[in-house]
Protein backbone atom coordinates (compact mmCIF):
# COMPACT_ATOMS: atom_id res chain seq x y z
CA UNK A 1 62.79 47.54 19.83
CA UNK A 2 62.44 45.88 23.21
CA UNK A 3 60.44 42.67 23.45
CA UNK A 4 57.23 42.58 25.49
CA UNK A 5 56.79 39.91 28.21
CA UNK A 6 54.30 38.11 25.96
CA UNK A 7 56.74 38.11 23.05
CA UNK A 8 59.53 36.83 25.30
CA UNK A 9 57.34 33.95 26.50
CA UNK A 10 56.40 33.10 22.92
CA UNK A 11 60.06 33.04 21.87
CA UNK A 12 60.93 30.92 24.90
CA UNK A 13 58.29 28.35 23.98
CA UNK A 14 59.50 28.23 20.37
CA UNK A 15 63.16 27.77 21.34
CA UNK A 16 62.40 25.07 23.92
CA UNK A 17 60.15 23.02 21.64
CA UNK A 18 61.36 19.92 19.81
CA UNK A 19 60.35 21.24 16.39
CA UNK A 20 63.24 22.70 14.37
CA UNK A 21 60.75 24.81 12.39
CA UNK A 22 59.83 26.55 15.62
CA UNK A 23 63.50 27.29 16.25
CA UNK A 24 63.80 28.85 12.79
CA UNK A 25 60.72 31.00 13.41
CA UNK A 26 62.14 32.12 16.77
CA UNK A 27 65.40 33.30 15.20
CA UNK A 28 63.48 35.15 12.46
CA UNK A 29 61.31 36.89 15.06
CA UNK A 30 64.42 38.04 16.94
CA UNK A 31 65.90 39.81 13.93
CA UNK A 32 66.07 43.59 14.40
CA UNK A 33 64.97 43.17 18.03
CA UNK A 34 66.92 44.07 21.14
CA UNK A 35 68.26 40.91 22.80
CA UNK A 36 66.59 40.13 26.12
CA UNK A 37 68.88 38.51 28.71
CA UNK A 38 66.04 36.29 29.94
CA UNK A 39 66.40 34.27 26.70
CA UNK A 40 70.03 33.29 27.36
CA UNK A 41 69.11 29.78 28.54
CA UNK A 42 66.88 29.17 25.51
CA UNK A 43 69.68 30.21 23.15
CA UNK A 44 72.17 28.07 25.08
CA UNK A 45 69.85 25.07 24.77
CA UNK A 46 69.74 25.51 21.00
CA UNK A 47 73.53 25.81 20.90
CA UNK A 48 74.00 22.57 22.83
CA UNK A 49 71.20 20.44 21.40
CA UNK A 50 70.67 21.39 17.76
CA UNK A 51 72.10 19.34 14.91
CA UNK A 52 71.51 22.13 12.41
CA UNK A 53 74.74 24.07 11.88
CA UNK A 54 72.93 27.31 10.92
CA UNK A 55 71.13 27.36 14.28
CA UNK A 56 74.27 26.50 16.19
CA UNK A 57 76.19 29.36 14.55
CA UNK A 58 73.47 31.91 15.30
CA UNK A 59 73.17 30.73 18.89
CA UNK A 60 76.91 30.84 19.41
CA UNK A 61 77.13 34.41 18.12
CA UNK A 62 74.39 35.62 20.47
CA UNK A 63 75.91 33.86 23.48
CA UNK A 64 79.36 35.28 22.83
CA UNK A 65 77.87 38.77 22.50
CA UNK A 66 75.51 38.69 25.49
CA UNK A 67 76.69 35.89 27.79
CA UNK A 68 78.84 36.22 30.87
CA UNK A 69 82.36 34.84 31.13
CA UNK A 70 81.04 31.97 33.26
CA UNK A 71 78.45 31.13 30.60
CA UNK A 72 81.17 31.06 27.95
CA UNK A 73 82.99 28.51 30.10
CA UNK A 74 79.80 26.40 30.20
CA UNK A 75 79.73 26.48 26.38
CA UNK A 76 82.97 24.47 26.42
CA UNK A 77 81.66 21.68 28.70
CA UNK A 78 81.60 18.40 26.79
CA UNK A 79 78.26 16.79 27.65
CA UNK A 80 77.09 15.32 24.38
CA UNK A 81 73.85 13.87 23.11
CA UNK A 82 74.18 10.79 20.91
CA UNK A 83 73.25 10.55 17.26
CA UNK A 84 70.08 8.71 18.23
CA UNK A 85 68.92 11.67 20.24
CA UNK A 86 69.38 10.08 23.64
CA UNK A 87 71.45 11.39 26.50
CA UNK A 88 74.28 9.00 27.16
CA UNK A 89 73.53 8.76 30.87
CA UNK A 90 70.87 7.91 33.42
CA UNK A 91 68.34 10.42 34.73
CA UNK A 92 70.52 10.72 37.83
CA UNK A 93 73.51 11.63 35.69
CA UNK A 94 71.42 14.01 33.58
CA UNK A 95 70.39 15.83 36.73
CA UNK A 96 74.04 16.11 37.73
CA UNK A 97 75.02 17.34 34.25
CA UNK A 98 72.37 20.07 34.27
CA UNK A 99 73.63 21.31 37.63
CA UNK A 100 77.16 21.48 36.22
CA UNK A 101 75.98 23.55 33.27
CA UNK A 102 74.07 26.12 35.34
CA UNK A 103 76.56 26.46 38.20
CA UNK A 104 77.72 30.07 38.82
CA UNK A 105 76.14 31.53 35.68
CA UNK A 106 72.86 32.98 34.42
CA UNK A 107 71.48 29.73 32.95
CA UNK A 108 68.12 28.43 34.18
CA UNK A 109 68.23 24.70 35.01
CA UNK A 110 64.47 24.31 34.72
CA UNK A 111 64.45 25.64 31.16
CA UNK A 112 67.37 23.37 30.30
CA UNK A 113 65.58 20.33 31.71
CA UNK A 114 62.33 21.33 30.00
CA UNK A 115 64.09 21.46 26.65
CA UNK A 116 65.63 18.03 27.22
CA UNK A 117 62.23 16.66 28.16
CA UNK A 118 60.50 18.27 25.15
CA UNK A 119 63.10 17.02 22.70
CA UNK A 120 64.22 13.68 24.11
CA UNK A 121 61.84 12.78 26.94
CA UNK A 122 64.71 13.10 29.44
CA UNK A 123 65.25 15.43 32.39
CA UNK A 124 62.02 14.68 34.21
CA UNK A 125 63.83 13.75 37.42
CA UNK A 126 65.28 17.27 37.57
CA UNK A 127 61.91 18.83 36.79
CA UNK A 128 60.08 16.88 39.48
CA UNK A 129 62.68 18.03 42.00
CA UNK A 130 62.85 21.69 41.03
CA UNK A 131 59.51 22.77 39.57
CA UNK A 132 57.04 24.65 41.78
CA UNK A 133 54.15 22.53 43.01
CA UNK A 134 51.49 23.58 40.47
CA UNK A 135 53.90 22.99 37.59
CA UNK A 136 54.80 19.56 38.96
CA UNK A 137 51.16 18.55 38.99
CA UNK A 138 50.72 19.83 35.44
CA UNK A 139 53.74 17.79 34.35
CA UNK A 140 52.48 14.65 36.10
CA UNK A 141 49.13 15.00 34.36
CA UNK A 142 50.92 14.25 31.09
CA UNK A 143 51.48 10.71 32.35
CA UNK A 144 47.83 10.14 33.18
CA UNK A 145 45.32 8.62 30.79
CA UNK A 146 41.91 8.31 32.37
CA UNK A 147 42.44 6.37 35.59
CA UNK A 148 45.84 5.03 34.47
CA UNK A 149 49.18 6.61 35.45
CA UNK A 150 52.42 5.42 33.84
CA UNK A 151 55.85 6.92 34.57
CA UNK A 152 58.44 4.29 33.63
CA UNK A 153 62.21 4.14 33.36
CA UNK A 154 63.08 7.56 34.80
CA UNK A 155 65.38 6.51 37.66
CA UNK A 156 63.14 8.24 40.20
CA UNK A 157 64.03 7.53 43.83
CA UNK A 158 60.75 8.94 45.12
CA UNK A 159 57.49 10.31 43.82
CA UNK A 160 56.64 13.98 44.52
CA UNK A 161 53.82 14.71 46.97
CA UNK A 162 51.71 16.06 44.09
CA UNK A 163 51.48 12.53 42.70
CA UNK A 164 49.32 11.47 45.64
CA UNK A 165 46.67 14.02 44.68
CA UNK A 166 45.59 11.74 41.80
CA UNK A 167 43.39 9.75 44.14
CA UNK A 168 41.08 8.27 41.49
CA UNK A 169 43.80 6.16 39.86
CA UNK A 170 43.04 2.48 39.23
CA UNK A 171 46.31 1.59 37.48
CA UNK A 172 49.81 2.81 38.41
CA UNK A 173 52.97 1.79 36.54
CA UNK A 174 56.25 2.99 38.09
CA UNK A 175 58.50 0.27 36.67
CA UNK A 176 62.12 0.95 35.77
CA UNK A 177 62.81 3.53 38.46
CA UNK A 178 64.98 3.44 41.60
CA UNK A 179 62.28 3.36 44.26
CA UNK A 180 63.62 1.77 47.46
CA UNK A 181 60.36 2.00 49.40
CA UNK A 182 56.66 2.72 49.03
CA UNK A 183 55.32 5.49 51.29
CA UNK A 184 52.12 5.27 53.31
CA UNK A 185 50.64 7.91 51.01
CA UNK A 186 49.77 5.07 48.63
CA UNK A 187 46.80 4.43 50.90
CA UNK A 188 45.17 7.45 49.23
CA UNK A 189 44.63 5.41 46.07
CA UNK A 190 41.43 3.80 47.33
CA UNK A 191 40.47 2.50 43.88
CA UNK A 192 43.86 1.07 42.90
CA UNK A 193 43.51 -2.29 41.18
CA UNK A 194 46.82 -2.67 39.33
CA UNK A 195 50.27 -1.71 40.58
CA UNK A 196 53.46 -2.27 38.55
CA UNK A 197 56.69 -1.82 40.54
CA UNK A 198 59.04 -4.05 38.53
CA UNK A 199 62.70 -3.10 38.04
CA UNK A 200 63.05 -0.91 41.10
CA UNK A 201 65.13 -1.22 44.28
CA UNK A 202 62.42 -2.26 46.70
CA UNK A 203 63.54 -4.07 49.85
CA UNK A 204 60.14 -4.23 51.57
CA UNK A 205 56.48 -3.35 51.03
CA UNK A 206 54.51 -0.80 52.98
CA UNK A 207 51.69 -2.40 55.05
CA UNK A 208 49.27 0.19 53.64
CA UNK A 209 49.32 -1.66 50.33
CA UNK A 210 47.33 -4.49 51.94
CA UNK A 211 44.45 -2.07 52.51
CA UNK A 212 44.00 -1.45 48.78
CA UNK A 213 41.71 -3.47 46.46
CA UNK A 214 44.70 -4.66 44.38
CA UNK A 215 43.99 -7.32 41.77
CA UNK A 216 47.28 -7.15 39.85
CA UNK A 217 50.77 -6.69 41.33
CA UNK A 218 54.13 -6.78 39.52
CA UNK A 219 57.27 -6.91 41.69
CA UNK A 220 59.78 -8.39 39.23
CA UNK A 221 63.47 -7.55 39.61
CA UNK A 222 63.70 -5.89 43.01
CA UNK A 223 65.97 -6.31 46.04
CA UNK A 224 63.94 -8.09 48.70
CA UNK A 225 66.11 -9.79 51.32
CA UNK A 226 63.05 -11.81 52.42
CA UNK A 227 59.89 -12.88 50.68
CA UNK A 228 57.42 -9.94 50.87
CA UNK A 229 55.00 -11.65 53.24
CA UNK A 230 52.59 -8.73 53.03
CA UNK A 231 51.41 -10.32 49.80
CA UNK A 232 49.75 -13.09 51.80
CA UNK A 233 47.33 -10.48 53.18
CA UNK A 234 46.26 -9.27 49.73
CA UNK A 235 43.24 -11.51 49.35
CA UNK A 236 41.91 -9.63 46.31
CA UNK A 237 44.99 -10.41 44.18
CA UNK A 238 44.33 -12.22 40.92
CA UNK A 239 47.56 -11.62 38.99
CA UNK A 240 50.96 -11.72 40.70
CA UNK A 241 54.42 -11.51 39.13
CA UNK A 242 57.44 -12.23 41.35
CA UNK A 243 60.30 -12.84 38.92
CA UNK A 244 63.79 -12.32 40.33
CA UNK A 245 62.54 -10.41 43.34
CA UNK A 246 65.68 -10.92 45.44
CA UNK A 247 69.11 -9.38 45.15
CA UNK A 248 70.82 -10.90 42.10
CA UNK A 249 74.13 -10.95 44.01
CA UNK A 250 72.72 -12.86 46.95
CA UNK A 251 73.21 -16.62 47.04
CA UNK A 252 70.29 -17.10 49.41
CA UNK A 253 66.95 -17.97 47.80
CA UNK A 254 63.83 -16.55 49.43
CA UNK A 255 61.61 -18.75 51.60
CA UNK A 256 57.98 -18.69 50.47
CA UNK A 257 55.68 -18.74 53.53
CA UNK A 258 52.99 -21.41 53.74
CA UNK A 259 50.34 -18.65 53.96
CA UNK A 260 51.12 -17.78 50.36
CA UNK A 261 49.32 -20.94 49.27
CA UNK A 262 46.11 -19.63 50.85
CA UNK A 263 45.61 -16.70 48.47
CA UNK A 264 42.12 -17.46 47.16
CA UNK A 265 41.81 -15.62 43.85
CA UNK A 266 45.04 -16.10 41.87
CA UNK A 267 44.48 -16.76 38.14
CA UNK A 268 47.98 -15.80 36.93
CA UNK A 269 51.30 -16.28 38.70
CA UNK A 270 54.84 -15.70 37.52
CA UNK A 271 58.02 -16.97 39.20
CA UNK A 272 61.46 -17.81 37.87
CA UNK A 273 65.09 -18.56 38.65
CA UNK A 274 67.73 -15.89 38.98
CA UNK A 275 69.69 -17.87 36.41
CA UNK A 276 73.20 -19.29 36.67
CA UNK A 277 76.24 -17.73 38.28
CA UNK A 278 79.62 -19.32 37.86
CA UNK A 279 77.97 -22.49 36.59
CA UNK A 280 75.90 -22.82 39.76
CA UNK A 281 72.15 -22.82 39.63
CA UNK A 282 70.62 -19.85 41.43
CA UNK A 283 67.01 -20.40 42.49
CA UNK A 284 64.99 -17.36 43.47
CA UNK A 285 62.75 -19.35 45.83
CA UNK A 286 63.76 -22.11 48.22
CA UNK A 287 62.26 -25.59 47.70
CA UNK A 288 59.78 -24.22 45.22
CA UNK A 289 58.92 -25.11 41.62
CA UNK A 290 60.54 -22.66 39.23
CA UNK A 291 58.40 -21.53 36.32
CA UNK A 292 57.86 -18.43 34.23
CA UNK A 293 54.10 -17.87 34.15
CA UNK A 294 51.08 -20.09 34.79
CA UNK A 295 47.53 -19.00 34.02
CA UNK A 296 44.06 -20.28 34.71
CA UNK A 297 42.60 -21.82 31.58
CA UNK A 298 38.99 -21.24 32.59
CA UNK A 299 39.31 -17.93 34.44
CA UNK A 300 38.82 -19.60 37.80
CA UNK A 301 41.43 -19.40 40.59
CA UNK A 302 43.86 -22.32 40.85
CA UNK A 303 45.41 -23.94 43.90
CA UNK A 304 48.78 -22.58 44.98
CA UNK A 305 50.19 -25.73 46.55
CA UNK A 306 53.66 -26.37 45.17
CA UNK A 307 52.93 -29.65 43.41
CA UNK A 308 49.92 -28.22 41.60
CA UNK A 309 51.97 -25.21 40.49
CA UNK A 310 54.66 -27.56 39.17
CA UNK A 311 52.04 -29.53 37.24
CA UNK A 312 50.65 -26.32 35.74
CA UNK A 313 54.16 -25.10 34.92
CA UNK A 314 54.91 -28.29 33.04
CA UNK A 315 51.52 -28.50 31.38
CA UNK A 316 51.65 -24.94 30.06
CA UNK A 317 55.37 -24.26 29.56
CA UNK A 318 57.20 -27.62 29.79
CA UNK A 319 58.86 -26.32 32.99
CA UNK A 320 59.28 -27.73 36.52
CA UNK A 321 60.37 -31.18 35.33
CA UNK A 322 62.99 -31.48 38.07
CA UNK A 323 60.46 -30.58 40.77
CA UNK A 324 58.06 -33.22 39.43
CA UNK A 325 60.85 -35.81 39.29
CA UNK A 326 61.53 -35.13 42.95
CA UNK A 327 57.97 -34.76 44.30
CA UNK A 328 55.32 -36.25 42.00
CA UNK A 329 54.08 -39.80 42.47
CA UNK A 330 55.46 -42.61 40.33
CA UNK A 331 51.96 -43.12 38.96
CA UNK A 332 51.65 -39.49 37.84
CA UNK A 333 55.11 -39.55 36.28
CA UNK A 334 54.42 -42.83 34.48
CA UNK A 335 51.00 -41.88 33.16
CA UNK A 336 51.31 -38.15 32.52
CA UNK A 337 54.87 -36.79 32.41
CA UNK A 338 57.28 -39.42 31.10
CA UNK A 339 55.17 -40.40 28.04
CA UNK A 340 55.76 -36.84 26.75
CA UNK A 341 59.49 -37.56 26.53
CA UNK A 342 59.36 -41.20 25.45
CA UNK A 343 59.98 -42.27 21.85
CA UNK A 344 58.32 -45.68 21.64
CA UNK A 345 59.90 -46.51 18.29
CA UNK A 346 63.42 -45.75 19.48
CA UNK A 347 62.60 -46.86 23.03
CA UNK A 348 64.37 -43.75 24.21
CA UNK A 349 64.13 -40.77 26.54
CA UNK A 350 65.69 -37.41 25.72
CA UNK A 351 66.01 -34.96 28.62
CA UNK A 352 68.71 -32.81 27.01
CA UNK A 353 69.39 -29.52 28.80
CA UNK A 354 66.80 -30.15 31.51
CA UNK A 355 68.52 -29.04 34.73
CA UNK A 356 67.89 -32.10 36.87
CA UNK A 357 68.84 -33.09 40.42
CA UNK A 358 67.14 -36.48 40.40
CA UNK A 359 66.48 -39.33 37.99
CA UNK A 360 63.15 -40.95 38.96
CA UNK A 361 62.65 -44.65 39.54
CA UNK A 362 59.54 -44.46 37.32
CA UNK A 363 61.82 -44.59 34.26
CA UNK A 364 62.07 -48.32 34.90
CA UNK A 365 58.38 -48.65 34.00
CA UNK A 366 59.40 -48.20 30.36
CA UNK A 367 61.65 -50.27 28.17
CA UNK A 368 64.59 -47.93 27.67
CA UNK A 369 67.37 -48.64 25.20
CA UNK A 370 68.57 -45.06 24.82
CA UNK A 371 68.81 -42.31 27.45
CA UNK A 372 69.99 -38.78 26.65
CA UNK A 373 70.96 -36.66 29.66
CA UNK A 374 73.14 -34.13 27.84
CA UNK A 375 73.65 -30.95 29.90
CA UNK A 376 71.36 -32.16 32.67
CA UNK A 377 74.12 -31.41 35.21
CA UNK A 378 73.41 -34.63 37.08
CA UNK A 379 75.86 -36.02 39.64
CA UNK A 380 76.63 -39.65 40.35
CA UNK A 381 74.64 -39.68 43.60
CA UNK A 382 71.54 -38.38 41.78
CA UNK A 383 71.20 -41.24 39.28
CA UNK A 384 70.98 -44.28 41.56
CA UNK A 385 67.88 -45.57 39.72
CA UNK A 386 69.70 -45.73 36.39
CA UNK A 387 70.90 -49.24 37.23
CA UNK A 388 67.28 -50.45 36.94
CA UNK A 389 67.32 -49.73 33.21
CA UNK A 390 68.45 -53.23 32.33
CA UNK A 391 67.95 -52.81 28.56
CA UNK A 392 69.93 -49.59 28.24
CA UNK A 393 72.28 -49.62 25.25
CA UNK A 394 73.04 -45.96 24.62
CA UNK A 395 73.73 -43.45 27.41
CA UNK A 396 74.70 -39.81 26.88
CA UNK A 397 75.73 -38.02 30.08
CA UNK A 398 77.93 -35.44 28.41
CA UNK A 399 78.24 -32.08 30.10
CA UNK A 400 77.10 -33.39 33.49
CA UNK A 401 78.81 -33.34 36.88
CA UNK A 402 79.23 -37.09 37.03
CA UNK A 403 82.85 -37.16 38.34
CA UNK A 404 83.04 -40.97 38.47
CA UNK A 405 81.68 -43.80 36.33
CA UNK A 406 81.38 -46.63 38.85
CA UNK A 407 77.58 -46.76 38.87
CA UNK A 408 77.49 -46.95 35.10
CA UNK A 409 79.56 -50.10 35.14
CA UNK A 410 76.41 -52.03 36.14
CA UNK A 411 74.79 -51.26 32.78
CA UNK A 412 76.07 -54.42 31.14
CA UNK A 413 74.21 -53.96 27.81
CA UNK A 414 75.71 -50.56 27.02
CA UNK A 415 76.99 -50.21 23.46
CA UNK A 416 77.58 -46.43 23.43
CA UNK A 417 78.64 -44.35 26.43
CA UNK A 418 79.26 -40.60 26.25
CA UNK A 419 80.66 -38.97 29.38
CA UNK A 420 82.47 -36.10 27.67
CA UNK A 421 82.79 -32.93 29.75
CA UNK A 422 81.49 -34.85 32.76
CA UNK A 423 84.49 -34.19 35.03
CA UNK A 424 85.70 -37.80 34.77
CA UNK A 425 89.25 -38.16 36.03
CA UNK A 426 89.80 -41.81 35.32
CA UNK A 427 88.34 -44.85 33.61
CA UNK A 428 87.63 -47.52 36.25
CA UNK A 429 88.97 -51.06 35.87
CA UNK A 430 85.37 -52.29 36.19
CA UNK A 431 84.69 -51.01 32.69
CA UNK A 432 85.44 -54.58 31.72
CA UNK A 433 81.83 -55.30 32.77
CA UNK A 434 80.63 -53.49 29.65
CA UNK A 435 81.41 -56.37 27.32
CA UNK A 436 79.16 -55.02 24.53
CA UNK A 437 80.64 -51.50 24.56
CA UNK A 438 81.40 -50.28 21.04
CA UNK A 439 81.91 -46.55 21.61
CA UNK A 440 83.30 -44.58 24.53
CA UNK A 441 83.42 -40.77 24.40
CA UNK A 442 85.31 -39.16 27.25
CA UNK A 443 86.91 -36.05 25.74
CA UNK A 444 87.24 -32.79 27.61
CA UNK A 445 86.98 -34.37 31.02
CA UNK A 446 89.40 -32.95 33.55
CA UNK A 447 92.34 -35.20 34.31
CA UNK A 448 94.10 -34.89 37.66
CA UNK A 449 97.07 -36.86 36.40
CA UNK A 450 98.33 -38.50 33.25
CA UNK A 451 95.78 -41.02 32.06
CA UNK A 452 96.57 -44.69 32.33
CA UNK A 453 94.63 -47.01 30.03
CA UNK A 454 93.06 -49.63 32.35
CA UNK A 455 93.35 -53.29 31.47
CA UNK A 456 89.57 -53.55 31.59
CA UNK A 457 89.28 -51.20 28.63
CA UNK A 458 91.94 -53.02 26.67
CA UNK A 459 89.97 -56.23 27.10
CA UNK A 460 86.77 -54.86 25.52
CA UNK A 461 86.77 -56.85 22.29
CA UNK A 462 83.84 -54.97 20.68
CA UNK A 463 85.21 -51.46 21.28
CA UNK A 464 85.39 -49.71 17.91
CA UNK A 465 85.78 -46.04 18.84
CA UNK A 466 87.41 -44.18 21.71
CA UNK A 467 87.24 -40.37 21.81
CA UNK A 468 89.66 -38.57 24.12
CA UNK A 469 91.17 -35.10 24.30
CA UNK A 470 94.61 -33.71 24.95
CA UNK A 471 93.49 -32.84 28.49
CA UNK A 472 93.98 -36.51 29.31
CA UNK A 473 97.68 -36.21 28.77
CA UNK A 474 99.85 -34.40 31.26
CA UNK A 475 102.71 -33.55 28.89
CA UNK A 476 105.44 -30.97 28.97
CA UNK A 477 106.27 -31.17 25.29
CA UNK A 478 104.72 -32.17 21.98
CA UNK A 479 106.97 -35.23 21.57
CA UNK A 480 105.75 -36.76 24.84
CA UNK A 481 102.17 -35.94 23.90
CA UNK A 482 102.47 -37.77 20.56
CA UNK A 483 104.00 -40.70 22.39
CA UNK A 484 100.99 -41.07 24.68
CA UNK A 485 98.58 -41.04 21.75
CA UNK A 486 100.64 -43.69 19.97
CA UNK A 487 100.62 -45.86 23.10
CA UNK A 488 96.81 -45.75 23.22
CA UNK A 489 96.60 -46.74 19.58
CA UNK A 490 99.03 -49.61 20.15
CA UNK A 491 97.01 -50.87 23.11
CA UNK A 492 93.74 -50.67 21.15
CA UNK A 493 94.77 -51.71 17.61
CA UNK A 494 91.22 -52.55 16.44
CA UNK A 495 89.73 -49.38 17.86
CA UNK A 496 89.56 -45.98 16.19
CA UNK A 497 91.18 -43.59 18.64
CA UNK A 498 90.15 -39.97 18.16
CA UNK A 499 92.01 -37.29 20.11
CA UNK A 500 90.43 -33.84 20.06
CA UNK A 501 92.91 -31.05 20.64
CA UNK A 502 91.14 -29.10 23.36
């Protein structure tokens, strides 16, 4: 018996659904019925997507009986879906795969994409390109909840014109797509208060956005070559997120215009670095404090001048220390910032892993016997004020970019000095100034030539421990290497010489 149009549509819906029980019902309904060619795509979808062997066998039999030679070739295409039920490709690739499946045969790409969307929430890019206009609008309605529209992570390069018919929207989230621009049609969203465009490919903003009553804007992880100055015209903004807004492969940080500081209503602001590339610090914004998120504590707008933002960043997240060291007054550092790092019992400061470019003179307002600058990445010309710490006994500058130790030779009370991994190529003769030195750690510093033990070091009577590494010895064979180590031990008989094999 031939199937009626209504029965065919019912079977189509059952086969394309994500429920395996519906698939079973569809096969049962087809028993003792004449096969209708319009169901070929539905059967093919089951054949390709099901994990139930019974369904796959039934689908294969029907396709081999009723499918064309070109369709049988498509059955052999290896485009798999993973065990987790996700297509192992982007939406762009999915679209390409669907087109490969339906090329030169009777398969319907829209049905294929609809099945993928129903089962795995993939294929929407294809649907929004190929569906007729009314169907597109119906599909888009699924992403609307009240006055909120959210269509995330679908690799869309543009939004269909039907999207701009949802003119009452107050919140739009299009994050995780591939949008390179925002069309003027956005001006239709007269009530839009929140716009999320993070993780796209935006290079500029459309001026029409400044005409909207936006209060919240997310632009994280885009490709702006310049700071999006249009933001300075958005006087209604309260929440702004600008994390990693420039091209991650660009070495040029964005310049924040002075007008940005005049936004009157900001209560939440997010900025951050691009991170580190090849050991080099990559700031997202030029000459600007780098913080994650700062928020108003009383709901009132805060000032956007750079120093105030740095103070908020440190107060709320313990960030922006380097900016404060470079720009805050000595009084503010002494009274507000430095006490947070000072151990009065140990008379010590620990700034471990703070990425610093300056050591402030205000440190001298404290009695400092111990200073930890491990992984601060400081260079010799950035620590000129360290010589004012006359009581300093322990200094750890390991994993910095020190390169030379000359300035440290003025710290006459040092007992312990750690300059390991600090790119030190030689020990200066002036180390003899450190008459109280008991420990010197200098392993894993890069030697340009075979190390020579300076006479100044040999004359340090209190030296009890010297830590080196094999990098200090430019040796062609193990015998020569052992000889160098023995020479050091002979020259420093009362000192424990530790050589780390690195």
